[in-house]
Amino acid sequence: MSGDARPQWCDQIEEAWNRHVRYRGLYRQLDAARDALRSRIAWVDELTEHEAEEILTALPACVEALQDAVEETPKGPEGTS
């Protein structure tokens, strides 16, 4: 191995390791977010088919009520001109 090849090879290994370490924290955050989401929606798996059907039937009315409430909300802070 030539003298010039070793430092380049070492630099590539060091860059790969630094990249691994840098993104390791992000992957941990992503895993934690996935776990939190799974725990928050676990109740959906326990629904019976009838319960799911009731929820889906009522959903459009809920969405419409929310849209109406947003339309009635003032656009800016009150008391400003």
PDB file of N, CA and C in Angstrom:
ATOM      1  N   MET A   1       0.857  -1.165   0.000  1.00  0.00           N
ATOM      2  CA  MET A   1       0.000   0.000   0.000  1.00  0.00           C
ATOM      3  C   MET A   1       0.902   1.227   0.000  1.00  0.00           C
ATOM      4  N   SER A   2       0.579   2.171  -0.846  1.00  0.00           N
ATOM      5  CA  SER A   2       1.430   3.362  -0.937  1.00  0.00           C
ATOM      6  C   SER A   2       1.129   4.312   0.210  1.00  0.00           C
ATOM      7  N   GLY A   3       2.010   5.244   0.447  1.00  0.00           N
ATOM      8  CA  GLY A   3       1.855   6.207   1.522  1.00  0.00           C
ATOM      9  C   GLY A   3       0.661   7.131   1.315  1.00  0.00           C
ATOM     10  N   ASP A   4       0.330   7.411   0.058  1.00  0.00           N
ATOM     11  CA  ASP A   4      -0.794   8.306  -0.222  1.00  0.00           C
ATOM     12  C   ASP A   4      -2.145   7.608  -0.088  1.00  0.00           C
ATOM     13  N   ALA A   5      -2.194   6.306  -0.336  1.00  0.00           N
ATOM     14  CA  ALA A   5      -3.465   5.584  -0.307  1.00  0.00           C
ATOM     15  C   ALA A   5      -3.973   5.404   1.121  1.00  0.00           C
ATOM     16  N   ARG A   6      -3.091   5.177   2.071  1.00  0.00           N
ATOM     17  CA  ARG A   6      -3.523   4.931   3.442  1.00  0.00           C
ATOM     18  C   ARG A   6      -4.250   6.131   4.048  1.00  0.00           C
ATOM     19  N   PRO A   7      -3.721   7.336   3.975  1.00  0.00           N
ATOM     20  CA  PRO A   7      -4.461   8.471   4.550  1.00  0.00           C
ATOM     21  C   PRO A   7      -5.830   8.670   3.890  1.00  0.00           C
ATOM     22  N   GLN A   8      -5.913   8.456   2.582  1.00  0.00           N
ATOM     23  CA  GLN A   8      -7.198   8.600   1.904  1.00  0.00           C
ATOM     24  C   GLN A   8      -8.172   7.531   2.409  1.00  0.00           C
ATOM     25  N   TRP A   9      -7.689   6.308   2.545  1.00  0.00           N
ATOM     26  CA  TRP A   9      -8.507   5.212   3.038  1.00  0.00           C
ATOM     27  C   TRP A   9      -8.957   5.499   4.467  1.00  0.00           C
ATOM     28  N   CYS A  10      -8.036   5.974   5.284  1.00  0.00           N
ATOM     29  CA  CYS A  10      -8.361   6.315   6.672  1.00  0.00           C
ATOM     30  C   CYS A  10      -9.383   7.450   6.731  1.00  0.00           C
ATOM     31  N   ASP A  11      -9.227   8.439   5.858  1.00  0.00           N
ATOM     32  CA  ASP A  11     -10.173   9.552   5.818  1.00  0.00           C
ATOM     33  C   ASP A  11     -11.566   9.068   5.451  1.00  0.00           C
ATOM     34  N   GLN A  12     -11.642   8.128   4.507  1.00  0.00           N
ATOM     35  CA  GLN A  12     -12.951   7.598   4.110  1.00  0.00           C
ATOM     36  C   GLN A  12     -13.608   6.840   5.260  1.00  0.00           C
ATOM     37  N   ILE A  13     -12.830   6.063   5.986  1.00  0.00           N
ATOM     38  CA  ILE A  13     -13.356   5.333   7.148  1.00  0.00           C
ATOM     39  C   ILE A  13     -13.819   6.320   8.214  1.00  0.00           C
ATOM     40  N   GLU A  14     -13.009   7.342   8.456  1.00  0.00           N
ATOM     41  CA  GLU A  14     -13.358   8.340   9.467  1.00  0.00           C
ATOM     42  C   GLU A  14     -14.637   9.088   9.082  1.00  0.00           C
ATOM     43  N   GLU A  15     -14.775   9.451   7.815  1.00  0.00           N
ATOM     44  CA  GLU A  15     -15.989  10.127   7.349  1.00  0.00           C
ATOM     45  C   GLU A  15     -17.217   9.245   7.525  1.00  0.00           C
ATOM     46  N   ALA A  16     -17.090   7.968   7.186  1.00  0.00           N
ATOM     47  CA  ALA A  16     -18.217   7.039   7.338  1.00  0.00           C
ATOM     48  C   ALA A  16     -18.599   6.899   8.810  1.00  0.00           C
ATOM     49  N   TRP A  17     -17.606   6.790   9.682  1.00  0.00           N
ATOM     50  CA  TRP A  17     -17.897   6.675  11.112  1.00  0.00           C
ATOM     51  C   TRP A  17     -18.564   7.945  11.640  1.00  0.00           C
ATOM     52  N   ASN A  18     -18.057   9.104  11.268  1.00  0.00           N
ATOM     53  CA  ASN A  18     -18.648  10.363  11.715  1.00  0.00           C
ATOM     54  C   ASN A  18     -20.085  10.508  11.238  1.00  0.00           C
ATOM     55  N   ARG A  19     -20.331  10.072  10.012  1.00  0.00           N
ATOM     56  CA  ARG A  19     -21.693  10.115   9.477  1.00  0.00           C
ATOM     57  C   ARG A  19     -22.607   9.205  10.299  1.00  0.00           C
ATOM     58  N   HIS A  20     -22.113   8.020  10.623  1.00  0.00           N
ATOM     59  CA  HIS A  20     -22.872   7.075  11.448  1.00  0.00           C
ATOM     60  C   HIS A  20     -23.199   7.691  12.808  1.00  0.00           C
ATOM     61  N   VAL A  21     -22.204   8.277  13.444  1.00  0.00           N
ATOM     62  CA  VAL A  21     -22.399   8.871  14.765  1.00  0.00           C
ATOM     63  C   VAL A  21     -23.341  10.065  14.688  1.00  0.00           C
ATOM     64  N   ARG A  22     -23.184  10.893  13.650  1.00  0.00           N
ATOM     65  CA  ARG A  22     -24.011  12.084  13.498  1.00  0.00           C
ATOM     66  C   ARG A  22     -25.486  11.722  13.328  1.00  0.00           C
ATOM     67  N   TYR A  23     -25.778  10.696  12.552  1.00  0.00           N
ATOM     68  CA  TYR A  23     -27.168  10.337  12.278  1.00  0.00           C
ATOM     69  C   TYR A  23     -27.748   9.363  13.293  1.00  0.00           C
ATOM     70  N   ARG A  24     -26.920   8.790  14.149  1.00  0.00           N
ATOM     71  CA  ARG A  24     -27.395   7.840  15.150  1.00  0.00           C
ATOM     72  C   ARG A  24     -28.446   8.493  16.054  1.00  0.00           C
ATOM     73  N   GLY A  25     -28.196   9.726  16.465  1.00  0.00           N
ATOM     74  CA  GLY A  25     -29.158  10.442  17.309  1.00  0.00           C
ATOM     75  C   GLY A  25     -30.474  10.683  16.589  1.00  0.00           C
ATOM     76  N   LEU A  26     -30.388  11.001  15.317  1.00  0.00           N
ATOM     77  CA  LEU A  26     -31.613  11.216  14.539  1.00  0.00           C
ATOM     78  C   LEU A  26     -32.417   9.925  14.410  1.00  0.00           C
ATOM     79  N   TYR A  27     -31.706   8.814  14.200  1.00  0.00           N
ATOM     80  CA  TYR A  27     -32.402   7.531  14.113  1.00  0.00           C
ATOM     81  C   TYR A  27     -33.054   7.169  15.443  1.00  0.00           C
ATOM     82  N   ARG A  28     -32.405   7.494  16.536  1.00  0.00           N
ATOM     83  CA  ARG A  28     -33.018   7.254  17.850  1.00  0.00           C
ATOM     84  C   ARG A  28     -34.281   8.089  18.028  1.00  0.00           C
ATOM     85  N   GLN A  29     -34.236   9.356  17.596  1.00  0.00           N
ATOM     86  CA  GLN A  29     -35.420  10.213  17.674  1.00  0.00           C
ATOM     87  C   GLN A  29     -36.540   9.668  16.803  1.00  0.00           C
ATOM     88  N   LEU A  30     -36.183   9.199  15.613  1.00  0.00           N
ATOM     89  CA  LEU A  30     -37.181   8.627  14.713  1.00  0.00           C
ATOM     90  C   LEU A  30     -37.807   7.377  15.321  1.00  0.00           C
ATOM     91  N   ASP A  31     -36.998   6.512  15.911  1.00  0.00           N
ATOM     92  CA  ASP A  31     -37.523   5.315  16.568  1.00  0.00           C
ATOM     93  C   ASP A  31     -38.452   5.677  17.716  1.00  0.00           C
ATOM     94  N   ALA A  32     -38.095   6.680  18.495  1.00  0.00           N
ATOM     95  CA  ALA A  32     -38.935   7.115  19.619  1.00  0.00           C
ATOM     96  C   ALA A  32     -40.264   7.673  19.107  1.00  0.00           C
ATOM     97  N   ALA A  33     -40.215   8.435  18.022  1.00  0.00           N
ATOM     98  CA  ALA A  33     -41.447   8.984  17.450  1.00  0.00           C
ATOM     99  C   ALA A  33     -42.345   7.866  16.915  1.00  0.00           C
ATOM    100  N   ARG A  34     -41.738   6.871  16.275  1.00  0.00           N
ATOM    101  CA  ARG A  34     -42.524   5.727  15.782  1.00  0.00           C
ATOM    102  C   ARG A  34     -43.180   4.979  16.933  1.00  0.00           C
ATOM    103  N   ASP A  35     -42.436   4.749  18.005  1.00  0.00           N
ATOM    104  CA  ASP A  35     -42.988   4.048  19.167  1.00  0.00           C
ATOM    105  C   ASP A  35     -44.134   4.840  19.786  1.00  0.00           C
ATOM    106  N   ALA A  36     -43.965   6.143  19.901  1.00  0.00           N
ATOM    107  CA  ALA A  36     -45.019   6.983  20.467  1.00  0.00           C
ATOM    108  C   ALA A  36     -46.264   6.946  19.596  1.00  0.00           C
ATOM    109  N   LEU A  37     -46.089   6.985  18.301  1.00  0.00           N
ATOM    110  CA  LEU A  37     -47.228   6.932  17.391  1.00  0.00           C
ATOM    111  C   LEU A  37     -47.941   5.589  17.494  1.00  0.00           C
ATOM    112  N   ARG A  38     -47.169   4.507  17.538  1.00  0.00           N
ATOM    113  CA  ARG A  38     -47.780   3.179  17.677  1.00  0.00           C
ATOM    114  C   ARG A  38     -48.604   3.084  18.954  1.00  0.00           C
ATOM    115  N   SER A  39     -48.089   3.620  20.048  1.00  0.00           N
ATOM    116  CA  SER A  39     -48.818   3.534  21.314  1.00  0.00           C
ATOM    117  C   SER A  39     -50.059   4.420  21.304  1.00  0.00           C
ATOM    118  N   ARG A  40     -49.998   5.543  20.578  1.00  0.00           N
ATOM    119  CA  ARG A  40     -51.156   6.436  20.533  1.00  0.00           C
ATOM    120  C   ARG A  40     -52.269   5.901  19.647  1.00  0.00           C
ATOM    121  N   ILE A  41     -51.951   5.055  18.682  1.00  0.00           N
ATOM    122  CA  ILE A  41     -52.996   4.551  17.782  1.00  0.00           C
ATOM    123  C   ILE A  41     -53.302   3.073  18.002  1.00  0.00           C
ATOM    124  N   ALA A  42     -52.761   2.474  19.074  1.00  0.00           N
ATOM    125  CA  ALA A  42     -52.985   1.059  19.346  1.00  0.00           C
ATOM    126  C   ALA A  42     -54.464   0.751  19.550  1.00  0.00           C
ATOM    127  N   TRP A  43     -55.232   1.705  20.066  1.00  0.00           N
ATOM    128  CA  TRP A  43     -56.654   1.483  20.317  1.00  0.00           C
ATOM    129  C   TRP A  43     -57.422   1.199  19.027  1.00  0.00           C
ATOM    130  N   VAL A  44     -56.918   1.682  17.892  1.00  0.00           N
ATOM    131  CA  VAL A  44     -57.597   1.459  16.622  1.00  0.00           C
ATOM    132  C   VAL A  44     -57.638  -0.032  16.295  1.00  0.00           C
ATOM    133  N   ASP A  45     -56.574  -0.749  16.606  1.00  0.00           N
ATOM    134  CA  ASP A  45     -56.529  -2.185  16.344  1.00  0.00           C
ATOM    135  C   ASP A  45     -57.542  -2.959  17.182  1.00  0.00           C
ATOM    136  N   GLU A  46     -57.957  -2.388  18.299  1.00  0.00           N
ATOM    137  CA  GLU A  46     -58.888  -3.072  19.193  1.00  0.00           C
ATOM    138  C   GLU A  46     -60.350  -2.795  18.853  1.00  0.00           C
ATOM    139  N   LEU A  47     -60.602  -1.926  17.881  1.00  0.00           N
ATOM    140  CA  LEU A  47     -61.984  -1.621  17.509  1.00  0.00           C
ATOM    141  C   LEU A  47     -62.636  -2.808  16.816  1.00  0.00           C
ATOM    142  N   THR A  48     -63.925  -2.982  17.108  1.00  0.00           N
ATOM    143  CA  THR A  48     -64.676  -3.980  16.350  1.00  0.00           C
ATOM    144  C   THR A  48     -65.038  -3.367  15.008  1.00  0.00           C
ATOM    145  N   GLU A  49     -65.459  -4.194  14.099  1.00  0.00           N
ATOM    146  CA  GLU A  49     -65.840  -3.685  12.777  1.00  0.00           C
ATOM    147  C   GLU A  49     -67.019  -2.710  12.898  1.00  0.00           C
ATOM    148  N   HIS A  50     -67.948  -3.008  13.794  1.00  0.00           N
ATOM    149  CA  HIS A  50     -69.110  -2.138  13.995  1.00  0.00           C
ATOM    150  C   HIS A  50     -68.682  -0.768  14.542  1.00  0.00           C
ATOM    151  N   GLU A  51     -67.756  -0.757  15.513  1.00  0.00           N
ATOM    152  CA  GLU A  51     -67.272   0.504  16.081  1.00  0.00           C
ATOM    153  C   GLU A  51     -66.543   1.339  15.031  1.00  0.00           C
ATOM    154  N   ALA A  52     -65.739   0.688  14.217  1.00  0.00           N
ATOM    155  CA  ALA A  52     -65.027   1.401  13.157  1.00  0.00           C
ATOM    156  C   ALA A  52     -66.005   1.994  12.156  1.00  0.00           C
ATOM    157  N   GLU A  53     -67.035   1.252  11.831  1.00  0.00           N
ATOM    158  CA  GLU A  53     -68.049   1.748  10.900  1.00  0.00           C
ATOM    159  C   GLU A  53     -68.771   2.966  11.469  1.00  0.00           C
ATOM    160  N   GLU A  54     -69.093   2.930  12.768  1.00  0.00           N
ATOM    161  CA  GLU A  54     -69.740   4.081  13.415  1.00  0.00           C
ATOM    162  C   GLU A  54     -68.843   5.322  13.369  1.00  0.00           C
ATOM    163  N   ILE A  55     -67.582   5.132  13.641  1.00  0.00           N
ATOM    164  CA  ILE A  55     -66.636   6.254  13.627  1.00  0.00           C
ATOM    165  C   ILE A  55     -66.544   6.845  12.228  1.00  0.00           C
ATOM    166  N   LEU A  56     -66.407   5.984  11.234  1.00  0.00           N
ATOM    167  CA  LEU A  56     -66.277   6.470   9.857  1.00  0.00           C
ATOM    168  C   LEU A  56     -67.550   7.126   9.363  1.00  0.00           C
ATOM    169  N   THR A  57     -68.687   6.680   9.840  1.00  0.00           N
ATOM    170  CA  THR A  57     -69.955   7.293   9.454  1.00  0.00           C
ATOM    171  C   THR A  57     -70.079   8.699  10.041  1.00  0.00           C
ATOM    172  N   ALA A  58     -69.609   8.887  11.282  1.00  0.00           N
ATOM    173  CA  ALA A  58     -69.722  10.183  11.957  1.00  0.00           C
ATOM    174  C   ALA A  58     -68.608  11.151  11.556  1.00  0.00           C
ATOM    175  N   LEU A  59     -67.559  10.668  10.976  1.00  0.00           N
ATOM    176  CA  LEU A  59     -66.400  11.505  10.669  1.00  0.00           C
ATOM    177  C   LEU A  59     -66.710  12.689   9.758  1.00  0.00           C
ATOM    178  N   PRO A  60     -67.446  12.527   8.661  1.00  0.00           N
ATOM    179  CA  PRO A  60     -67.718  13.698   7.804  1.00  0.00           C
ATOM    180  C   PRO A  60     -68.433  14.835   8.541  1.00  0.00           C
ATOM    181  N   ALA A  61     -69.358  14.501   9.428  1.00  0.00           N
ATOM    182  CA  ALA A  61     -70.059  15.537  10.192  1.00  0.00           C
ATOM    183  C   ALA A  61     -69.094  16.272  11.115  1.00  0.00           C
ATOM    184  N   CYS A  62     -68.163  15.550  11.707  1.00  0.00           N
ATOM    185  CA  CYS A  62     -67.169  16.180  12.583  1.00  0.00           C
ATOM    186  C   CYS A  62     -66.258  17.116  11.789  1.00  0.00           C
ATOM    187  N   VAL A  63     -65.816  16.671  10.634  1.00  0.00           N
ATOM    188  CA  VAL A  63     -64.950  17.501   9.798  1.00  0.00           C
ATOM    189  C   VAL A  63     -65.696  18.764   9.373  1.00  0.00           C
ATOM    190  N   GLU A  64     -66.941  18.618   8.992  1.00  0.00           N
ATOM    191  CA  GLU A  64     -67.740  19.777   8.577  1.00  0.00           C
ATOM    192  C   GLU A  64     -67.914  20.756   9.737  1.00  0.00           C
ATOM    193  N   ALA A  65     -68.165  20.253  10.939  1.00  0.00           N
ATOM    194  CA  ALA A  65     -68.319  21.117  12.109  1.00  0.00           C
ATOM    195  C   ALA A  65     -67.016  21.863  12.403  1.00  0.00           C
ATOM    196  N   LEU A  66     -65.895  21.202  12.259  1.00  0.00           N
ATOM    197  CA  LEU A  66     -64.609  21.868  12.468  1.00  0.00           C
ATOM    198  C   LEU A  66     -64.374  22.959  11.432  1.00  0.00           C
ATOM    199  N   GLN A  67     -64.703  22.667  10.177  1.00  0.00           N
ATOM    200  CA  GLN A  67     -64.539  23.668   9.123  1.00  0.00           C
ATOM    201  C   GLN A  67     -65.432  24.879   9.367  1.00  0.00           C
ATOM    202  N   ASP A  68     -66.656  24.644   9.822  1.00  0.00           N
ATOM    203  CA  ASP A  68     -67.561  25.753  10.147  1.00  0.00           C
ATOM    204  C   ASP A  68     -67.015  26.587  11.295  1.00  0.00           C
ATOM    205  N   ALA A  69     -66.462  25.927  12.297  1.00  0.00           N
ATOM    206  CA  ALA A  69     -65.902  26.642  13.446  1.00  0.00           C
ATOM    207  C   ALA A  69     -64.707  27.489  13.029  1.00  0.00           C
ATOM    208  N   VAL A  70     -63.888  26.993  12.120  1.00  0.00           N
ATOM    209  CA  VAL A  70     -62.727  27.749  11.652  1.00  0.00           C
ATOM    210  C   VAL A  70     -63.183  28.963  10.861  1.00  0.00           C
ATOM    211  N   GLU A  71     -64.200  28.808  10.059  1.00  0.00           N
ATOM    212  CA  GLU A  71     -64.704  29.927   9.261  1.00  0.00           C
ATOM    213  C   GLU A  71     -65.277  31.027  10.136  1.00  0.00           C
ATOM    214  N   GLU A  72     -65.826  30.678  11.293  1.00  0.00           N
ATOM    215  CA  GLU A  72     -66.422  31.655  12.200  1.00  0.00           C
ATOM    216  C   GLU A  72     -65.389  32.325  13.098  1.00  0.00           C
ATOM    217  N   THR A  73     -64.204  31.797  13.157  1.00  0.00           N
ATOM    218  CA  THR A  73     -63.142  32.350  13.999  1.00  0.00           C
ATOM    219  C   THR A  73     -62.594  33.627  13.374  1.00  0.00           C
ATOM    220  N   PRO A  74     -62.399  34.682  14.186  1.00  0.00           N
ATOM    221  CA  PRO A  74     -61.823  35.920  13.638  1.00  0.00           C
ATOM    222  C   PRO A  74     -60.434  35.660  13.077  1.00  0.00           C
ATOM    223  N   LYS A  75     -60.081  36.364  12.023  1.00  0.00           N
ATOM    224  CA  LYS A  75     -58.811  36.139  11.331  1.00  0.00           C
ATOM    225  C   LYS A  75     -57.617  36.701  12.091  1.00  0.00           C
ATOM    226  N   GLY A  76     -57.772  37.807  12.770  1.00  0.00           N
ATOM    227  CA  GLY A  76     -56.648  38.435  13.458  1.00  0.00           C
ATOM    228  C   GLY A  76     -56.921  38.578  14.935  1.00  0.00           C
ATOM    229  N   PRO A  77     -55.938  39.084  15.681  1.00  0.00           N
ATOM    230  CA  PRO A  77     -56.151  39.325  17.101  1.00  0.00           C
ATOM    231  C   PRO A  77     -57.231  40.386  17.309  1.00  0.00           C
ATOM    232  N   GLU A  78     -58.050  40.148  18.311  1.00  0.00           N
ATOM    233  CA  GLU A  78     -59.134  41.105  18.582  1.00  0.00           C
ATOM    234  C   GLU A  78     -58.562  42.400  19.148  1.00  0.00           C
ATOM    235  N   GLY A  79     -59.218  43.503  18.822  1.00  0.00           N
ATOM    236  CA  GLY A  79     -58.803  44.800  19.343  1.00  0.00           C
ATOM    237  C   GLY A  79     -57.708  45.475  18.550  1.00  0.00           C
ATOM    238  N   THR A  80     -57.295  44.902  17.432  1.00  0.00           N
ATOM    239  CA  THR A  80     -56.272  45.547  16.596  1.00  0.00           C
ATOM    240  C   THR A  80     -56.939  46.113  15.371  1.00  0.00           C
ATOM    241  N   SER A  81     -56.352  47.152  14.831  1.00  0.00           N
ATOM    242  CA  SER A  81     -56.949  47.762  13.647  1.00  0.00           C
ATOM    243  C   SER A  81     -56.060  47.608  12.443  1.00  0.00           C
TER     244      SER A  81
END
